[in-house]
């Protein structure tokens, strides 16, 4: 059984990095930050989690284990592809939605509900 990693700040300390990441992604999507800003937000969220973790070594192990998750690679690729298709779809006028409101986060949500994202093969 894997050892749990405790955080300073109790239950709020556990959620601070996640809330920081979600708020940063939301702001980045609204003001149009792109992949460079998302990388910075992710780094600072991981750093905040590291600073709040009581057992730094265990936090590092858990973080690396999470980064090795195959679903993370799928989500990152969907985000990158959505960001690449945004300018071309906005100039072609094929979205039916104003270009200012079409964001990579919305595209990731749409792509994740596709045939492979929303179904389970049993």
Protein backbone atom coordinates (compact mmCIF):
# COMPACT_ATOMS: atom_id res chain seq x y z
CA UNK A 1 0.00 0.00 0.00
CA UNK A 2 1.30 3.42 -0.94
CA UNK A 3 1.95 5.93 1.81
CA UNK A 4 -0.30 9.00 1.81
CA UNK A 5 1.31 12.39 1.43
CA UNK A 6 0.17 14.89 4.07
CA UNK A 7 -0.13 18.59 3.36
CA UNK A 8 0.29 21.68 5.49
CA UNK A 9 -2.98 23.53 5.84
CA UNK A 10 -5.12 20.42 6.35
CA UNK A 11 -7.89 19.79 3.85
CA UNK A 12 -7.52 23.25 2.33
CA UNK A 13 -3.82 22.63 1.69
CA UNK A 14 -4.66 19.56 -0.37
CA UNK A 15 -7.00 21.51 -2.64
CA UNK A 16 -4.96 24.74 -3.04
CA UNK A 17 -2.77 23.50 -5.95
CA UNK A 18 -5.80 22.06 -7.75
CA UNK A 19 -7.85 25.22 -7.29
CA UNK A 20 -4.87 27.33 -8.42
CA UNK A 21 -4.54 25.18 -11.55
CA UNK A 22 -8.26 25.34 -12.39
CA UNK A 23 -8.45 29.10 -11.80
CA UNK A 24 -5.32 29.64 -13.89
CA UNK A 25 -6.69 27.52 -16.74
CA UNK A 26 -9.98 29.41 -16.66
CA UNK A 27 -8.28 32.81 -16.72
CA UNK A 28 -5.87 31.64 -19.43
CA UNK A 29 -8.77 30.42 -21.56
CA UNK A 30 -10.70 33.67 -21.15
CA UNK A 31 -7.82 36.04 -21.89
CA UNK A 32 -6.10 33.75 -24.41
CA UNK A 33 -2.79 32.73 -22.92
CA UNK A 34 -1.88 29.78 -25.08
CA UNK A 35 0.28 26.81 -24.29
CA UNK A 36 3.17 28.84 -22.83
CA UNK A 37 0.96 30.32 -20.12
CA UNK A 38 -0.60 26.93 -19.39
CA UNK A 39 2.86 25.46 -18.90
CA UNK A 40 3.69 28.19 -16.38
CA UNK A 41 0.41 27.71 -14.52
CA UNK A 42 1.02 23.97 -14.32
CA UNK A 43 4.56 24.47 -13.04
CA UNK A 44 3.44 26.89 -10.33
CA UNK A 45 0.61 24.56 -9.28
CA UNK A 46 3.09 21.68 -8.93
CA UNK A 47 5.50 23.96 -7.04
CA UNK A 48 2.71 25.07 -4.70
CA UNK A 49 1.86 21.42 -4.04
CA UNK A 50 5.53 20.71 -3.35
CA UNK A 51 5.78 23.58 -0.88
CA UNK A 52 2.62 22.46 0.94
CA UNK A 53 3.59 18.77 1.06
CA UNK A 54 4.94 17.51 4.37
CA UNK A 55 6.84 14.60 2.79
CA UNK A 56 8.59 16.11 -0.25
CA UNK A 57 10.09 12.82 -1.44
CA UNK A 58 6.73 11.03 -1.42
CA UNK A 59 5.08 13.99 -3.18
CA UNK A 60 7.68 13.69 -5.94
CA UNK A 61 6.98 9.97 -6.35
CA UNK A 62 3.21 10.54 -6.51
CA UNK A 63 3.64 13.40 -9.00
CA UNK A 64 5.85 11.34 -11.32
CA UNK A 65 3.42 8.43 -11.13
CA UNK A 66 0.58 10.76 -12.15
CA UNK A 67 2.59 12.22 -15.04
CA UNK A 68 3.10 8.69 -16.39
CA UNK A 69 -0.66 8.17 -16.74
CA UNK A 70 -1.52 7.49 -20.42
CA UNK A 71 -4.74 9.53 -20.17
CA UNK A 72 -2.69 12.64 -19.41
CA UNK A 73 -0.93 12.30 -22.77
CA UNK A 74 -4.30 12.07 -24.52
CA UNK A 75 -5.59 15.18 -22.79
CA UNK A 76 -2.43 17.15 -23.57
CA UNK A 77 -2.53 16.14 -27.25
CA UNK A 78 -6.21 17.09 -27.48
CA UNK A 79 -5.43 20.50 -25.96
CA UNK A 80 -2.54 21.09 -28.36
CA UNK A 81 -4.57 19.97 -31.39
CA UNK A 82 -7.50 22.16 -30.35
CA UNK A 83 -5.16 25.13 -30.04
CA UNK A 84 -3.77 24.47 -33.52
CA UNK A 85 -7.21 24.16 -35.13
CA UNK A 86 -8.62 27.26 -33.44
CA UNK A 87 -7.07 29.86 -35.78
CA UNK A 88 -7.88 27.91 -38.94
CA UNK A 89 -11.51 27.29 -37.98
CA UNK A 90 -11.99 30.93 -36.94
CA UNK A 91 -10.70 32.27 -40.26
CA UNK A 92 -12.71 29.76 -42.28
CA UNK A 93 -15.87 30.56 -40.36
CA UNK A 94 -16.71 26.89 -39.92
CA UNK A 95 -17.34 26.89 -36.19
CA UNK A 96 -20.63 28.76 -36.10
CA UNK A 97 -19.37 30.30 -32.86
CA UNK A 98 -17.55 33.65 -32.67
CA UNK A 99 -13.79 33.14 -32.65
CA UNK A 100 -13.42 34.95 -29.33
CA UNK A 101 -15.54 32.38 -27.50
CA UNK A 102 -14.01 29.25 -29.10
CA UNK A 103 -11.27 28.11 -26.76
CA UNK A 104 -8.94 25.14 -26.56
CA UNK A 105 -10.61 24.11 -23.30
CA UNK A 106 -13.97 23.84 -25.05
CA UNK A 107 -12.33 21.83 -27.84
CA UNK A 108 -10.79 19.43 -25.32
CA UNK A 109 -14.24 18.89 -23.81
CA UNK A 110 -15.73 18.17 -27.22
CA UNK A 111 -12.88 15.87 -28.26
CA UNK A 112 -13.00 13.92 -25.00
CA UNK A 113 -16.68 13.08 -25.64
CA UNK A 114 -15.86 11.49 -28.99
CA UNK A 115 -16.18 7.80 -29.79
CA UNK A 116 -12.98 6.82 -27.98
CA UNK A 117 -13.19 9.31 -25.12
CA UNK A 118 -16.64 8.60 -23.83
CA UNK A 119 -17.00 4.88 -24.43
CA UNK A 120 -15.58 1.84 -22.70
CA UNK A 121 -14.54 -1.23 -24.60
CA UNK A 122 -15.52 -4.27 -22.61
